[in-house]
Amino acid sequence: MKFMMVLLSLNLLLVGLSRCKEDLLENPVSLTDSQENELVAAELSQNSGGAMAEVSVLAQVTREDFYSKNAAIDTSIAVRWVQLSLGMSFFRANGNEIPIFVPEFTDSMVVRAHLSGDTSFVGSNTTTTVNLNRRSQSFISDILTAVHVLNGAGSDSSTYTLTGNDDAQNYTFRRRSTYSLNALTLPETSVNHIPTGGSISGVAGGTFETLGISQSYSIPYEVFFDGSTTVTVEINGGARSFTLNLLTGAISG
């Protein structure tokens, strides 16, 4: 239901963009602040398959009980509608690689992640179809201590298609986004897997197409963590900001 709310927000923000092709040629669409906020929220929130869906799993791969439920080195797991394929390498404190996760010896890990999945939502005016496609490589250090540190980088080439009652309501968003995970601190005992420090920065970008006309968008953003599920997202270097629930994708402010 929470993810449906995120998709409904995307659906509603696009209703106001419906214009004839001739008008679009003469006056290209400019995304409003609220529309940009929705696009960034989808890049970040857990329920939309954003960066927090990835961080949540990465916070768990450093725990012994993860390996009692999943494969040891290469594994695929499902979180709601999102499928995660993981490839992992394990290292001792001296930098030597070891073949499996050993709680007493594993001090750092390299994790290669691929997030994928398909879902759809029928709204009042359009049907939204999501094809998720995110890839990243991360380095988790200090695993032998009480607080682990996560650094990484990734890209998002997901596609959102909105189909309406007429051509003017048909939109396709093709993401070409990049992001980095910057010194995220993850306490070993955390329940909700929200970082207590560090940041995620990136550019929510790509193209959106309607009536055969394609336009590009690029939205730089950064969010800092303090352990709360609600954070402030800064847009364009702090020129403006909004408040985001990292789990549900709900926006305020």
Protein backbone atom coordinates (compact mmCIF):
# COMPACT_ATOMS: atom_id res chain seq x y z
CA MET A 1 0.00 0.00 0.00
CA LYS A 2 2.84 2.42 0.84
CA PHE A 3 4.50 1.83 -2.53
CA MET A 4 1.15 2.36 -4.23
CA MET A 5 1.06 5.78 -2.52
CA VAL A 6 4.46 6.62 -4.04
CA LEU A 7 3.27 5.61 -7.51
CA LEU A 8 0.04 7.53 -7.03
CA SER A 9 2.07 10.67 -6.31
CA LEU A 10 4.04 10.15 -9.53
CA ASN A 11 0.77 9.56 -11.37
CA LEU A 12 -0.83 12.75 -10.06
CA LEU A 13 2.18 14.94 -10.76
CA LEU A 14 2.13 13.88 -14.42
CA VAL A 15 -1.54 14.62 -15.01
CA GLY A 16 -0.74 18.33 -15.21
CA LEU A 17 1.86 17.72 -17.93
CA SER A 18 -0.66 16.59 -20.59
CA ARG A 19 -0.34 18.97 -23.56
CA CYS A 20 -0.67 18.73 -27.31
CA LYS A 21 2.37 17.87 -29.42
CA GLU A 22 2.48 21.26 -31.15
CA ASP A 23 2.53 23.05 -27.81
CA LEU A 24 5.34 20.81 -26.57
CA LEU A 25 7.45 21.58 -29.63
CA GLU A 26 7.11 25.31 -29.05
CA ASN A 27 7.20 25.26 -25.25
CA PRO A 28 9.11 22.30 -23.77
CA VAL A 29 7.91 21.05 -20.40
CA SER A 30 9.82 22.23 -17.33
CA LEU A 31 9.45 20.08 -14.24
CA THR A 32 8.13 21.92 -11.20
CA ASP A 33 9.86 21.74 -7.82
CA SER A 34 7.25 19.28 -6.53
CA GLN A 35 7.68 17.06 -9.59
CA GLU A 36 11.46 17.03 -9.13
CA ASN A 37 10.96 16.16 -5.46
CA GLU A 38 8.84 13.15 -6.41
CA LEU A 39 11.47 11.90 -8.85
CA VAL A 40 14.24 12.20 -6.25
CA ALA A 41 12.06 10.52 -3.60
CA ALA A 42 11.57 7.54 -5.92
CA GLU A 43 15.38 7.30 -6.30
CA LEU A 44 15.83 7.13 -2.52
CA SER A 45 12.90 5.50 -0.73
CA GLN A 46 12.89 1.83 0.22
CA ASN A 47 9.38 1.02 -0.97
CA SER A 48 10.05 2.34 -4.47
CA GLY A 49 13.18 0.20 -4.88
CA GLY A 50 15.44 3.20 -4.28
CA ALA A 51 18.83 3.45 -2.60
CA MET A 52 17.43 2.60 0.83
CA ALA A 53 16.25 -0.81 -0.39
CA GLU A 54 19.88 -1.52 -1.24
CA VAL A 55 21.28 -0.06 2.00
CA SER A 56 18.85 -2.14 4.06
CA VAL A 57 20.19 -5.38 2.56
CA LEU A 58 23.83 -4.26 2.75
CA ALA A 59 23.33 -3.62 6.46
CA GLN A 60 22.30 -7.26 6.88
CA VAL A 61 25.05 -9.03 4.93
CA THR A 62 27.50 -8.34 7.77
CA ARG A 63 25.45 -10.47 10.17
CA GLU A 64 25.94 -14.19 10.67
CA ASP A 65 22.21 -14.99 10.57
CA PHE A 66 22.02 -13.65 7.00
CA TYR A 67 24.10 -16.62 5.83
CA SER A 68 21.95 -19.15 7.64
CA LYS A 69 19.04 -18.06 5.41
CA ASN A 70 20.83 -17.28 2.15
CA ALA A 71 23.67 -18.56 -0.03
CA ALA A 72 27.18 -17.82 1.18
CA ILE A 73 28.81 -15.93 -1.70
CA ASP A 74 26.39 -15.29 -4.56
CA THR A 75 22.73 -15.08 -3.74
CA SER A 76 19.38 -13.71 -4.88
CA ILE A 77 16.76 -12.57 -2.40
CA ALA A 78 13.39 -10.90 -2.74
CA VAL A 79 12.25 -7.87 -0.73
CA ARG A 80 8.58 -7.26 -1.54
CA TRP A 81 8.53 -6.85 -5.35
CA VAL A 82 12.27 -6.10 -5.62
CA GLN A 83 14.71 -8.88 -6.53
CA LEU A 84 18.30 -8.42 -5.35
CA SER A 85 21.20 -10.36 -6.86
CA LEU A 86 24.37 -10.13 -4.78
CA GLY A 87 27.97 -11.10 -5.40
CA MET A 88 30.23 -10.87 -2.34
CA SER A 89 33.93 -11.04 -1.55
CA PHE A 90 35.21 -11.30 2.05
CA PHE A 91 38.46 -10.01 3.59
CA ARG A 92 40.32 -10.27 6.89
CA ALA A 93 41.67 -7.22 8.72
CA ASN A 94 45.08 -7.72 7.06
CA GLY A 95 43.47 -7.48 3.61
CA ASN A 96 43.70 -11.17 2.75
CA GLU A 97 40.63 -12.58 1.00
CA ILE A 98 38.78 -15.50 2.56
CA PRO A 99 36.32 -17.78 0.72
CA ILE A 100 33.27 -17.40 2.99
CA PHE A 101 31.88 -15.10 5.66
CA VAL A 102 33.43 -16.00 9.03
CA PRO A 103 32.14 -13.81 11.90
CA GLU A 104 35.41 -13.99 13.85
CA PHE A 105 37.62 -13.03 10.90
CA THR A 106 35.65 -11.06 8.28
CA ASP A 107 36.51 -7.37 8.67
CA SER A 108 35.47 -6.02 5.25
CA MET A 109 33.46 -6.98 2.19
CA VAL A 110 32.97 -5.98 -1.43
CA VAL A 111 29.36 -6.36 -2.53
CA ARG A 112 28.14 -6.16 -6.12
CA ALA A 113 24.37 -5.65 -6.22
CA HIS A 114 21.73 -5.70 -8.93
CA LEU A 115 18.20 -4.62 -8.05
CA SER A 116 15.45 -5.54 -10.49
CA GLY A 117 11.73 -6.11 -10.55
CA ASP A 118 8.49 -5.19 -12.26
CA THR A 119 5.30 -3.82 -10.79
CA SER A 120 2.30 -1.77 -11.88
CA PHE A 121 -0.36 0.41 -10.35
CA VAL A 122 -3.71 1.50 -11.77
CA GLY A 123 -4.52 5.11 -10.90
CA SER A 124 -7.52 7.30 -11.63
CA ASN A 125 -6.13 8.57 -14.95
CA THR A 126 -3.17 6.39 -15.87
CA THR A 127 -1.60 2.99 -15.30
CA THR A 128 1.99 3.11 -14.07
CA THR A 129 4.37 0.29 -14.99
CA VAL A 130 7.79 0.09 -13.35
CA ASN A 131 10.81 -1.81 -14.65
CA LEU A 132 13.51 -1.50 -11.97
CA ASN A 133 17.19 -1.78 -12.94
CA ARG A 134 19.86 -0.59 -10.47
CA ARG A 135 23.48 -1.71 -10.18
CA SER A 136 26.13 -0.84 -7.62
CA GLN A 137 29.40 -1.88 -6.03
CA SER A 138 29.99 -1.20 -2.35
CA PHE A 139 32.74 -1.64 0.23
CA ILE A 140 31.78 -2.40 3.82
CA SER A 141 34.53 -1.96 6.42
CA ASP A 142 34.97 -2.19 10.21
CA ILE A 143 32.78 -5.30 10.38
CA LEU A 144 34.62 -6.53 13.49
CA THR A 145 33.53 -3.39 15.36
CA ALA A 146 30.10 -2.34 16.62
CA VAL A 147 29.58 0.22 13.84
CA HIS A 148 30.17 -0.75 10.21
CA VAL A 149 31.01 1.76 7.46
CA LEU A 150 29.54 1.60 3.96
CA ASN A 151 30.91 3.32 0.85
CA GLY A 152 29.85 2.69 -2.72
CA ALA A 153 28.56 3.95 -6.03
CA GLY A 154 25.85 2.91 -8.42
CA SER A 155 23.66 3.71 -11.39
CA ASP A 156 19.94 3.51 -12.07
CA SER A 157 18.56 2.82 -15.55
CA SER A 158 14.99 1.98 -14.55
CA THR A 159 11.96 2.78 -16.73
CA TYR A 160 8.60 4.18 -15.64
CA THR A 161 5.76 4.05 -18.18
CA LEU A 162 2.47 5.87 -17.62
CA THR A 163 -0.41 4.94 -19.93
CA GLY A 164 -3.56 7.07 -19.99
CA ASN A 165 -6.83 7.34 -21.85
CA ASP A 166 -5.25 9.27 -24.72
CA ASP A 167 -1.79 9.86 -26.16
CA ALA A 168 -1.37 13.13 -24.26
CA GLN A 169 -1.41 11.16 -21.00
CA ASN A 170 1.25 8.64 -22.08
CA TYR A 171 4.68 9.25 -20.56
CA THR A 172 7.87 7.23 -20.39
CA PHE A 173 10.61 8.12 -17.89
CA ARG A 174 13.99 6.53 -18.62
CA ARG A 175 16.34 7.00 -15.72
CA ARG A 176 20.03 7.55 -16.26
CA SER A 177 20.88 8.36 -12.67
CA THR A 178 24.07 7.99 -10.65
CA TYR A 179 24.62 8.03 -6.90
CA SER A 180 27.24 7.43 -4.22
CA LEU A 181 27.05 6.08 -0.68
CA ASN A 182 29.40 8.20 1.41
CA ALA A 183 30.72 6.80 4.72
CA LEU A 184 27.33 5.54 5.89
CA THR A 185 27.61 4.32 9.48
CA LEU A 186 25.53 1.24 10.27
CA PRO A 187 25.35 0.08 13.91
CA GLU A 188 25.48 -3.70 14.16
CA THR A 189 22.40 -3.76 16.41
CA SER A 190 20.22 -1.50 14.23
CA VAL A 191 16.72 -2.84 13.60
CA ASN A 192 15.53 -0.59 10.75
CA HIS A 193 18.96 -0.43 9.02
CA ILE A 194 18.90 3.39 8.80
CA PRO A 195 22.43 4.91 8.79
CA THR A 196 23.37 7.02 11.82
CA GLY A 197 25.83 9.12 9.82
CA GLY A 198 27.18 9.77 6.34
CA SER A 199 25.32 10.79 3.21
CA ILE A 200 23.95 9.74 -0.16
CA SER A 201 24.56 12.10 -3.05
CA GLY A 202 23.60 11.76 -6.66
CA VAL A 203 21.97 13.09 -9.78
CA ALA A 204 18.43 11.97 -10.58
CA GLY A 205 18.50 12.26 -14.33
CA GLY A 206 17.41 10.81 -17.62
CA THR A 207 14.73 11.56 -20.17
CA PHE A 208 10.96 11.66 -20.29
CA GLU A 209 8.99 11.23 -23.49
CA THR A 210 5.44 12.09 -24.48
CA LEU A 211 3.76 12.45 -27.88
CA GLY A 212 7.01 11.35 -29.51
CA ILE A 213 9.01 14.21 -28.00
CA SER A 214 11.85 13.43 -25.59
CA GLN A 215 13.24 15.87 -23.03
CA SER A 216 16.03 15.47 -20.51
CA TYR A 217 16.15 16.24 -16.80
CA SER A 218 18.96 16.39 -14.24
CA ILE A 219 18.42 16.95 -10.51
CA PRO A 220 21.45 16.98 -8.16
CA TYR A 221 20.59 15.96 -4.59
CA GLU A 222 22.16 15.02 -1.26
CA VAL A 223 20.78 13.62 1.98
CA PHE A 224 22.53 13.37 5.36
CA PHE A 225 21.70 10.69 7.93
CA ASP A 226 21.31 10.76 11.71
CA GLY A 227 19.49 7.49 12.35
CA SER A 228 16.01 8.90 11.74
CA THR A 229 13.65 7.46 9.13
CA THR A 230 12.72 11.04 8.18
CA VAL A 231 15.46 13.12 6.56
CA THR A 232 15.98 16.41 4.77
CA VAL A 233 16.87 16.10 1.09
CA GLU A 234 18.85 19.01 -0.37
CA ILE A 235 18.33 19.84 -4.05
CA ASN A 236 20.82 21.72 -6.26
CA GLY A 237 23.42 22.24 -3.55
CA GLY A 238 20.91 23.31 -0.92
CA ALA A 239 19.04 25.82 -3.08
CA ARG A 240 15.90 24.18 -1.73
CA SER A 241 14.98 21.09 0.27
CA PHE A 242 12.15 18.78 1.26
CA THR A 243 11.49 16.22 3.99
CA LEU A 244 11.35 12.54 3.05
CA ASN A 245 10.34 9.37 4.85
CA LEU A 246 13.05 6.95 3.73
CA LEU A 247 10.84 3.88 4.12
CA THR A 248 7.52 4.99 2.63
CA GLY A 249 8.62 7.75 0.24
CA ALA A 250 6.18 10.23 1.79
CA ILE A 251 7.14 13.88 1.17
CA SER A 252 6.49 16.97 3.27
CA GLY A 253 7.79 20.52 3.40
